[in-house]
Amino acid sequence: MSRPSPLSATPLLLLAGCSTDAAPSFSLAGAYFPDWMMCAMFGVASAVGLRVIFVVTKIDSILRFRLFTYSALGVIVALSIWLIWFGP
């Protein structure tokens, strides 16, 4: 019988940290969704909401980089929600 090579254990060592016990997920209708997906949805919704507010208040017309601005606002909201709910 031949001995296994040290390289055959490499995939097992890489998977050693994977565990479902501490996975950041929540149960929704019996299915587990990642928490980052929920934060991303809030970020997108807030970016859309802020765009509506900026258009109504005419701030949107003075913005030069609209796509960058609304993307950055969505990311800021998503990361803030992540930090508040799941942070240290």
PDB file of N, CA and C in Angstrom:
ATOM      1  N   MET A   1       0.848  -1.173   0.000  1.00  0.00           N
ATOM      2  CA  MET A   1       0.000   0.000   0.000  1.00  0.00           C
ATOM      3  C   MET A   1       0.897   1.240   0.000  1.00  0.00           C
ATOM      4  N   SER A   2       0.585   2.202  -0.851  1.00  0.00           N
ATOM      5  CA  SER A   2       1.407   3.405  -0.948  1.00  0.00           C
ATOM      6  C   SER A   2       0.912   4.458   0.042  1.00  0.00           C
ATOM      7  N   ARG A   3       1.846   5.283   0.449  1.00  0.00           N
ATOM      8  CA  ARG A   3       1.528   6.367   1.385  1.00  0.00           C
ATOM      9  C   ARG A   3       0.999   7.570   0.602  1.00  0.00           C
ATOM     10  N   PRO A   4       0.026   8.286   1.148  1.00  0.00           N
ATOM     11  CA  PRO A   4      -0.466   9.478   0.443  1.00  0.00           C
ATOM     12  C   PRO A   4       0.594  10.580   0.452  1.00  0.00           C
ATOM     13  N   SER A   5       0.627  11.334  -0.599  1.00  0.00           N
ATOM     14  CA  SER A   5       1.603  12.423  -0.669  1.00  0.00           C
ATOM     15  C   SER A   5       1.145  13.591   0.202  1.00  0.00           C
ATOM     16  N   PRO A   6       2.092  14.419   0.637  1.00  0.00           N
ATOM     17  CA  PRO A   6       1.707  15.584   1.454  1.00  0.00           C
ATOM     18  C   PRO A   6       0.793  16.559   0.706  1.00  0.00           C
ATOM     19  N   LEU A   7       0.891  16.584  -0.617  1.00  0.00           N
ATOM     20  CA  LEU A   7       0.046  17.503  -1.383  1.00  0.00           C
ATOM     21  C   LEU A   7      -1.418  17.080  -1.392  1.00  0.00           C
ATOM     22  N   SER A   8      -1.689  15.817  -1.135  1.00  0.00           N
ATOM     23  CA  SER A   8      -3.083  15.373  -1.134  1.00  0.00           C
ATOM     24  C   SER A   8      -3.840  15.885   0.089  1.00  0.00           C
ATOM     25  N   ALA A   9      -3.126  16.302   1.132  1.00  0.00           N
ATOM     26  CA  ALA A   9      -3.776  16.839   2.332  1.00  0.00           C
ATOM     27  C   ALA A   9      -4.025  18.338   2.232  1.00  0.00           C
ATOM     28  N   THR A  10      -3.466  18.996   1.240  1.00  0.00           N
ATOM     29  CA  THR A  10      -3.614  20.454   1.111  1.00  0.00           C
ATOM     30  C   THR A  10      -5.068  20.894   0.999  1.00  0.00           C
ATOM     31  N   PRO A  11      -5.908  20.283   0.159  1.00  0.00           N
ATOM     32  CA  PRO A  11      -7.313  20.716   0.108  1.00  0.00           C
ATOM     33  C   PRO A  11      -8.026  20.547   1.443  1.00  0.00           C
ATOM     34  N   LEU A  12      -7.680  19.518   2.186  1.00  0.00           N
ATOM     35  CA  LEU A  12      -8.313  19.324   3.487  1.00  0.00           C
ATOM     36  C   LEU A  12      -7.913  20.416   4.469  1.00  0.00           C
ATOM     37  N   LEU A  13      -6.660  20.835   4.414  1.00  0.00           N
ATOM     38  CA  LEU A  13      -6.214  21.907   5.298  1.00  0.00           C
ATOM     39  C   LEU A  13      -6.890  23.235   4.945  1.00  0.00           C
ATOM     40  N   LEU A  14      -7.121  23.465   3.658  1.00  0.00           N
ATOM     41  CA  LEU A  14      -7.786  24.704   3.246  1.00  0.00           C
ATOM     42  C   LEU A  14      -9.251  24.732   3.676  1.00  0.00           C
ATOM     43  N   LEU A  15      -9.882  23.581   3.778  1.00  0.00           N
ATOM     44  CA  LEU A  15     -11.287  23.513   4.175  1.00  0.00           C
ATOM     45  C   LEU A  15     -11.475  23.375   5.683  1.00  0.00           C
ATOM     46  N   ALA A  16     -10.393  23.317   6.425  1.00  0.00           N
ATOM     47  CA  ALA A  16     -10.488  23.088   7.863  1.00  0.00           C
ATOM     48  C   ALA A  16     -11.216  24.221   8.585  1.00  0.00           C
ATOM     49  N   GLY A  17     -11.151  25.447   8.079  1.00  0.00           N
ATOM     50  CA  GLY A  17     -11.790  26.574   8.743  1.00  0.00           C
ATOM     51  C   GLY A  17     -13.256  26.739   8.394  1.00  0.00           C
ATOM     52  N   CYS A  18     -13.745  25.996   7.414  1.00  0.00           N
ATOM     53  CA  CYS A  18     -15.135  26.120   6.999  1.00  0.00           C
ATOM     54  C   CYS A  18     -16.042  25.407   7.996  1.00  0.00           C
ATOM     55  N   SER A  19     -17.038  26.100   8.450  1.00  0.00           N
ATOM     56  CA  SER A  19     -17.964  25.532   9.414  1.00  0.00           C
ATOM     57  C   SER A  19     -19.314  26.198   9.241  1.00  0.00           C
ATOM     58  N   THR A  20     -20.369  25.471   9.483  1.00  0.00           N
ATOM     59  CA  THR A  20     -21.701  26.055   9.383  1.00  0.00           C
ATOM     60  C   THR A  20     -22.217  26.519  10.737  1.00  0.00           C
ATOM     61  N   ASP A  21     -21.457  26.267  11.812  1.00  0.00           N
ATOM     62  CA  ASP A  21     -21.908  26.661  13.146  1.00  0.00           C
ATOM     63  C   ASP A  21     -21.963  28.171  13.315  1.00  0.00           C
ATOM     64  N   ALA A  22     -20.982  28.864  12.797  1.00  0.00           N
ATOM     65  CA  ALA A  22     -20.908  30.312  12.997  1.00  0.00           C
ATOM     66  C   ALA A  22     -21.110  31.063  11.693  1.00  0.00           C
ATOM     67  N   ALA A  23     -21.829  30.485  10.760  1.00  0.00           N
ATOM     68  CA  ALA A  23     -22.048  31.141   9.474  1.00  0.00           C
ATOM     69  C   ALA A  23     -22.971  32.342   9.662  1.00  0.00           C
ATOM     70  N   PRO A  24     -22.608  33.499   9.102  1.00  0.00           N
ATOM     71  CA  PRO A  24     -23.458  34.687   9.241  1.00  0.00           C
ATOM     72  C   PRO A  24     -24.678  34.608   8.332  1.00  0.00           C
ATOM     73  N   SER A  25     -25.703  33.921   8.784  1.00  0.00           N
ATOM     74  CA  SER A  25     -26.897  33.760   7.963  1.00  0.00           C
ATOM     75  C   SER A  25     -28.129  33.777   8.852  1.00  0.00           C
ATOM     76  N   PHE A  26     -29.268  33.996   8.236  1.00  0.00           N
ATOM     77  CA  PHE A  26     -30.524  34.006   8.960  1.00  0.00           C
ATOM     78  C   PHE A  26     -31.533  33.162   8.201  1.00  0.00           C
ATOM     79  N   SER A  27     -32.487  32.613   8.927  1.00  0.00           N
ATOM     80  CA  SER A  27     -33.487  31.752   8.313  1.00  0.00           C
ATOM     81  C   SER A  27     -34.668  32.596   7.851  1.00  0.00           C
ATOM     82  N   LEU A  28     -35.014  32.451   6.583  1.00  0.00           N
ATOM     83  CA  LEU A  28     -36.152  33.159   6.017  1.00  0.00           C
ATOM     84  C   LEU A  28     -36.971  32.153   5.229  1.00  0.00           C
ATOM     85  N   ALA A  29     -38.144  31.817   5.741  1.00  0.00           N
ATOM     86  CA  ALA A  29     -39.030  30.832   5.130  1.00  0.00           C
ATOM     87  C   ALA A  29     -38.332  29.486   4.953  1.00  0.00           C
ATOM     88  N   GLY A  30     -37.512  29.113   5.927  1.00  0.00           N
ATOM     89  CA  GLY A  30     -36.852  27.817   5.909  1.00  0.00           C
ATOM     90  C   GLY A  30     -35.554  27.777   5.142  1.00  0.00           C
ATOM     91  N   ALA A  31     -35.186  28.842   4.452  1.00  0.00           N
ATOM     92  CA  ALA A  31     -33.929  28.880   3.708  1.00  0.00           C
ATOM     93  C   ALA A  31     -32.991  29.875   4.386  1.00  0.00           C
ATOM     94  N   TYR A  32     -31.708  29.563   4.367  1.00  0.00           N
ATOM     95  CA  TYR A  32     -30.722  30.438   5.006  1.00  0.00           C
ATOM     96  C   TYR A  32     -30.119  31.384   3.985  1.00  0.00           C
ATOM     97  N   PHE A  33     -30.187  32.668   4.287  1.00  0.00           N
ATOM     98  CA  PHE A  33     -29.660  33.699   3.415  1.00  0.00           C
ATOM     99  C   PHE A  33     -28.475  34.364   4.112  1.00  0.00           C
ATOM    100  N   PRO A  34     -27.461  34.702   3.341  1.00  0.00           N
ATOM    101  CA  PRO A  34     -26.328  35.420   3.939  1.00  0.00           C
ATOM    102  C   PRO A  34     -26.742  36.812   4.397  1.00  0.00           C
ATOM    103  N   ASP A  35     -26.162  37.241   5.476  1.00  0.00           N
ATOM    104  CA  ASP A  35     -26.487  38.561   6.015  1.00  0.00           C
ATOM    105  C   ASP A  35     -26.020  39.689   5.107  1.00  0.00           C
ATOM    106  N   TRP A  36     -24.920  39.471   4.383  1.00  0.00           N
ATOM    107  CA  TRP A  36     -24.432  40.534   3.516  1.00  0.00           C
ATOM    108  C   TRP A  36     -25.432  40.835   2.405  1.00  0.00           C
ATOM    109  N   MET A  37     -26.212  39.818   2.010  1.00  0.00           N
ATOM    110  CA  MET A  37     -27.196  40.035   0.957  1.00  0.00           C
ATOM    111  C   MET A  37     -28.310  40.966   1.451  1.00  0.00           C
ATOM    112  N   MET A  38     -28.701  40.793   2.698  1.00  0.00           N
ATOM    113  CA  MET A  38     -29.711  41.664   3.282  1.00  0.00           C
ATOM    114  C   MET A  38     -29.174  43.095   3.372  1.00  0.00           C
ATOM    115  N   CYS A  39     -27.922  43.247   3.798  1.00  0.00           N
ATOM    116  CA  CYS A  39     -27.330  44.579   3.886  1.00  0.00           C
ATOM    117  C   CYS A  39     -27.215  45.218   2.501  1.00  0.00           C
ATOM    118  N   ALA A  40     -26.895  44.415   1.486  1.00  0.00           N
ATOM    119  CA  ALA A  40     -26.812  44.944   0.120  1.00  0.00           C
ATOM    120  C   ALA A  40     -28.178  45.419  -0.371  1.00  0.00           C
ATOM    121  N   MET A  41     -29.219  44.678  -0.030  1.00  0.00           N
ATOM    122  CA  MET A  41     -30.565  45.100  -0.446  1.00  0.00           C
ATOM    123  C   MET A  41     -30.941  46.420   0.212  1.00  0.00           C
ATOM    124  N   PHE A  42     -30.602  46.586   1.487  1.00  0.00           N
ATOM    125  CA  PHE A  42     -30.851  47.859   2.157  1.00  0.00           C
ATOM    126  C   PHE A  42     -30.036  48.977   1.523  1.00  0.00           C
ATOM    127  N   GLY A  43     -28.803  48.689   1.119  1.00  0.00           N
ATOM    128  CA  GLY A  43     -27.958  49.691   0.468  1.00  0.00           C
ATOM    129  C   GLY A  43     -28.526  50.139  -0.859  1.00  0.00           C
ATOM    130  N   VAL A  44     -28.997  49.198  -1.658  1.00  0.00           N
ATOM    131  CA  VAL A  44     -29.592  49.541  -2.958  1.00  0.00           C
ATOM    132  C   VAL A  44     -30.871  50.341  -2.757  1.00  0.00           C
ATOM    133  N   ALA A  45     -31.706  49.901  -1.813  1.00  0.00           N
ATOM    134  CA  ALA A  45     -32.957  50.616  -1.546  1.00  0.00           C
ATOM    135  C   ALA A  45     -32.690  52.029  -1.046  1.00  0.00           C
ATOM    136  N   SER A  46     -31.669  52.187  -0.215  1.00  0.00           N
ATOM    137  CA  SER A  46     -31.367  53.529   0.292  1.00  0.00           C
ATOM    138  C   SER A  46     -30.793  54.417  -0.809  1.00  0.00           C
ATOM    139  N   ALA A  47     -29.991  53.852  -1.719  1.00  0.00           N
ATOM    140  CA  ALA A  47     -29.459  54.646  -2.829  1.00  0.00           C
ATOM    141  C   ALA A  47     -30.589  55.126  -3.735  1.00  0.00           C
ATOM    142  N   VAL A  48     -31.556  54.256  -3.994  1.00  0.00           N
ATOM    143  CA  VAL A  48     -32.713  54.651  -4.801  1.00  0.00           C
ATOM    144  C   VAL A  48     -33.529  55.724  -4.069  1.00  0.00           C
ATOM    145  N   GLY A  49     -33.739  55.532  -2.787  1.00  0.00           N
ATOM    146  CA  GLY A  49     -34.479  56.517  -1.998  1.00  0.00           C
ATOM    147  C   GLY A  49     -33.773  57.865  -1.941  1.00  0.00           C
ATOM    148  N   LEU A  50     -32.455  57.836  -1.783  1.00  0.00           N
ATOM    149  CA  LEU A  50     -31.710  59.094  -1.766  1.00  0.00           C
ATOM    150  C   LEU A  50     -31.731  59.776  -3.131  1.00  0.00           C
ATOM    151  N   ARG A  51     -31.740  58.992  -4.189  1.00  0.00           N
ATOM    152  CA  ARG A  51     -31.848  59.602  -5.529  1.00  0.00           C
ATOM    153  C   ARG A  51     -33.168  60.328  -5.684  1.00  0.00           C
ATOM    154  N   VAL A  52     -34.246  59.715  -5.214  1.00  0.00           N
ATOM    155  CA  VAL A  52     -35.558  60.367  -5.289  1.00  0.00           C
ATOM    156  C   VAL A  52     -35.539  61.659  -4.485  1.00  0.00           C
ATOM    157  N   ILE A  53     -34.966  61.618  -3.307  1.00  0.00           N
ATOM    158  CA  ILE A  53     -34.892  62.824  -2.468  1.00  0.00           C
ATOM    159  C   ILE A  53     -34.041  63.895  -3.147  1.00  0.00           C
ATOM    160  N   PHE A  54     -32.902  63.494  -3.744  1.00  0.00           N
ATOM    161  CA  PHE A  54     -32.031  64.459  -4.407  1.00  0.00           C
ATOM    162  C   PHE A  54     -32.687  65.065  -5.647  1.00  0.00           C
ATOM    163  N   VAL A  55     -33.476  64.280  -6.368  1.00  0.00           N
ATOM    164  CA  VAL A  55     -34.170  64.821  -7.547  1.00  0.00           C
ATOM    165  C   VAL A  55     -35.239  65.818  -7.111  1.00  0.00           C
ATOM    166  N   VAL A  56     -35.979  65.493  -6.063  1.00  0.00           N
ATOM    167  CA  VAL A  56     -37.032  66.392  -5.579  1.00  0.00           C
ATOM    168  C   VAL A  56     -36.443  67.695  -5.064  1.00  0.00           C
ATOM    169  N   THR A  57     -35.314  67.620  -4.363  1.00  0.00           N
ATOM    170  CA  THR A  57     -34.691  68.823  -3.802  1.00  0.00           C
ATOM    171  C   THR A  57     -33.740  69.512  -4.781  1.00  0.00           C
ATOM    172  N   LYS A  58     -33.644  68.990  -6.010  1.00  0.00           N
ATOM    173  CA  LYS A  58     -32.825  69.550  -7.084  1.00  0.00           C
ATOM    174  C   LYS A  58     -31.324  69.502  -6.793  1.00  0.00           C
ATOM    175  N   ILE A  59     -30.905  68.649  -5.881  1.00  0.00           N
ATOM    176  CA  ILE A  59     -29.477  68.441  -5.629  1.00  0.00           C
ATOM    177  C   ILE A  59     -28.886  67.590  -6.746  1.00  0.00           C
ATOM    178  N   ASP A  60     -29.699  66.721  -7.333  1.00  0.00           N
ATOM    179  CA  ASP A  60     -29.225  65.822  -8.386  1.00  0.00           C
ATOM    180  C   ASP A  60     -28.688  66.585  -9.594  1.00  0.00           C
ATOM    181  N   SER A  61     -29.241  67.727  -9.878  1.00  0.00           N
ATOM    182  CA  SER A  61     -28.818  68.475 -11.073  1.00  0.00           C
ATOM    183  C   SER A  61     -27.418  69.065 -10.923  1.00  0.00           C
ATOM    184  N   ILE A  62     -26.921  69.244  -9.711  1.00  0.00           N
ATOM    185  CA  ILE A  62     -25.583  69.812  -9.532  1.00  0.00           C
ATOM    186  C   ILE A  62     -24.506  68.732  -9.332  1.00  0.00           C
ATOM    187  N   LEU A  63     -24.909  67.473  -9.263  1.00  0.00           N
ATOM    188  CA  LEU A  63     -23.932  66.393  -9.107  1.00  0.00           C
ATOM    189  C   LEU A  63     -23.234  66.122 -10.428  1.00  0.00           C
ATOM    190  N   ARG A  64     -21.921  65.935 -10.391  1.00  0.00           N
ATOM    191  CA  ARG A  64     -21.179  65.656 -11.615  1.00  0.00           C
ATOM    192  C   ARG A  64     -21.072  64.165 -11.860  1.00  0.00           C
ATOM    193  N   PHE A  65     -20.795  63.379 -10.845  1.00  0.00           N
ATOM    194  CA  PHE A  65     -20.612  61.933 -10.982  1.00  0.00           C
ATOM    195  C   PHE A  65     -21.755  61.225 -10.265  1.00  0.00           C
ATOM    196  N   ARG A  66     -22.894  61.179 -10.922  1.00  0.00           N
ATOM    197  CA  ARG A  66     -24.096  60.639 -10.280  1.00  0.00           C
ATOM    198  C   ARG A  66     -23.966  59.161  -9.940  1.00  0.00           C
ATOM    199  N   LEU A  67     -23.483  58.365 -10.886  1.00  0.00           N
ATOM    200  CA  LEU A  67     -23.372  56.929 -10.651  1.00  0.00           C
ATOM    201  C   LEU A  67     -22.440  56.646  -9.480  1.00  0.00           C
ATOM    202  N   PHE A  68     -21.302  57.315  -9.440  1.00  0.00           N
ATOM    203  CA  PHE A  68     -20.364  57.146  -8.340  1.00  0.00           C
ATOM    204  C   PHE A  68     -20.981  57.598  -7.016  1.00  0.00           C
ATOM    205  N   THR A  69     -21.679  58.701  -7.035  1.00  0.00           N
ATOM    206  CA  THR A  69     -22.276  59.237  -5.807  1.00  0.00           C
ATOM    207  C   THR A  69     -23.308  58.291  -5.230  1.00  0.00           C
ATOM    208  N   TYR A  70     -24.220  57.801  -6.062  1.00  0.00           N
ATOM    209  CA  TYR A  70     -25.269  56.930  -5.547  1.00  0.00           C
ATOM    210  C   TYR A  70     -24.726  55.554  -5.184  1.00  0.00           C
ATOM    211  N   SER A  71     -23.730  55.076  -5.916  1.00  0.00           N
ATOM    212  CA  SER A  71     -23.096  53.806  -5.543  1.00  0.00           C
ATOM    213  C   SER A  71     -22.392  53.941  -4.196  1.00  0.00           C
ATOM    214  N   ALA A  72     -21.690  55.029  -4.015  1.00  0.00           N
ATOM    215  CA  ALA A  72     -20.986  55.247  -2.743  1.00  0.00           C
ATOM    216  C   ALA A  72     -21.966  55.392  -1.586  1.00  0.00           C
ATOM    217  N   LEU A  73     -23.069  56.087  -1.799  1.00  0.00           N
ATOM    218  CA  LEU A  73     -24.073  56.220  -0.736  1.00  0.00           C
ATOM    219  C   LEU A  73     -24.680  54.869  -0.372  1.00  0.00           C
ATOM    220  N   GLY A  74     -24.945  54.034  -1.378  1.00  0.00           N
ATOM    221  CA  GLY A  74     -25.476  52.702  -1.112  1.00  0.00           C
ATOM    222  C   GLY A  74     -24.490  51.836  -0.346  1.00  0.00           C
ATOM    223  N   VAL A  75     -23.215  51.905  -0.719  1.00  0.00           N
ATOM    224  CA  VAL A  75     -22.192  51.130  -0.012  1.00  0.00           C
ATOM    225  C   VAL A  75     -22.041  51.628   1.417  1.00  0.00           C
ATOM    226  N   ILE A  76     -22.073  52.919   1.624  1.00  0.00           N
ATOM    227  CA  ILE A  76     -21.953  53.472   2.975  1.00  0.00           C
ATOM    228  C   ILE A  76     -23.096  52.984   3.856  1.00  0.00           C
ATOM    229  N   VAL A  77     -24.303  53.009   3.338  1.00  0.00           N
ATOM    230  CA  VAL A  77     -25.455  52.543   4.115  1.00  0.00           C
ATOM    231  C   VAL A  77     -25.354  51.048   4.390  1.00  0.00           C
ATOM    232  N   ALA A  78     -24.983  50.269   3.377  1.00  0.00           N
ATOM    233  CA  ALA A  78     -24.879  48.813   3.554  1.00  0.00           C
ATOM    234  C   ALA A  78     -23.819  48.461   4.584  1.00  0.00           C
ATOM    235  N   LEU A  79     -22.667  49.106   4.516  1.00  0.00           N
ATOM    236  CA  LEU A  79     -21.608  48.809   5.482  1.00  0.00           C
ATOM    237  C   LEU A  79     -21.953  49.315   6.880  1.00  0.00           C
ATOM    238  N   SER A  80     -22.673  50.413   6.956  1.00  0.00           N
ATOM    239  CA  SER A  80     -23.109  50.906   8.271  1.00  0.00           C
ATOM    240  C   SER A  80     -24.096  49.942   8.914  1.00  0.00           C
ATOM    241  N   ILE A  81     -25.015  49.412   8.129  1.00  0.00           N
ATOM    242  CA  ILE A  81     -25.963  48.432   8.660  1.00  0.00           C
ATOM    243  C   ILE A  81     -25.230  47.182   9.112  1.00  0.00           C
ATOM    244  N   TRP A  82     -24.272  46.726   8.300  1.00  0.00           N
ATOM    245  CA  TRP A  82     -23.485  45.550   8.670  1.00  0.00           C
ATOM    246  C   TRP A  82     -22.753  45.798   9.992  1.00  0.00           C
ATOM    247  N   LEU A  83     -22.160  46.972  10.139  1.00  0.00           N
ATOM    248  CA  LEU A  83     -21.404  47.285  11.344  1.00  0.00           C
ATOM    249  C   LEU A  83     -22.307  47.386  12.562  1.00  0.00           C
ATOM    250  N   ILE A  84     -23.485  47.971  12.404  1.00  0.00           N
ATOM    251  CA  ILE A  84     -24.393  48.139  13.531  1.00  0.00           C
ATOM    252  C   ILE A  84     -24.967  46.800  13.977  1.00  0.00           C
ATOM    253  N   TRP A  85     -25.417  45.967  13.020  1.00  0.00           N
ATOM    254  CA  TRP A  85     -26.068  44.704  13.389  1.00  0.00           C
ATOM    255  C   TRP A  85     -25.107  43.573  13.690  1.00  0.00           C
ATOM    256  N   PHE A  86     -24.030  43.469  12.917  1.00  0.00           N
ATOM    257  CA  PHE A  86     -23.180  42.286  13.013  1.00  0.00           C
ATOM    258  C   PHE A  86     -21.751  42.603  13.435  1.00  0.00           C
ATOM    259  N   GLY A  87     -21.444  43.855  13.684  1.00  0.00           N
ATOM    260  CA  GLY A  87     -20.085  44.248  14.012  1.00  0.00           C
ATOM    261  C   GLY A  87     -19.689  43.874  15.431  1.00  0.00           C
ATOM    262  N   PRO A  88     -18.465  44.226  15.795  1.00  0.00           N
ATOM    263  CA  PRO A  88     -17.963  43.861  17.133  1.00  0.00           C
ATOM    264  C   PRO A  88     -18.620  44.576  18.273  1.00  0.00           C
TER     265      PRO A  88
END
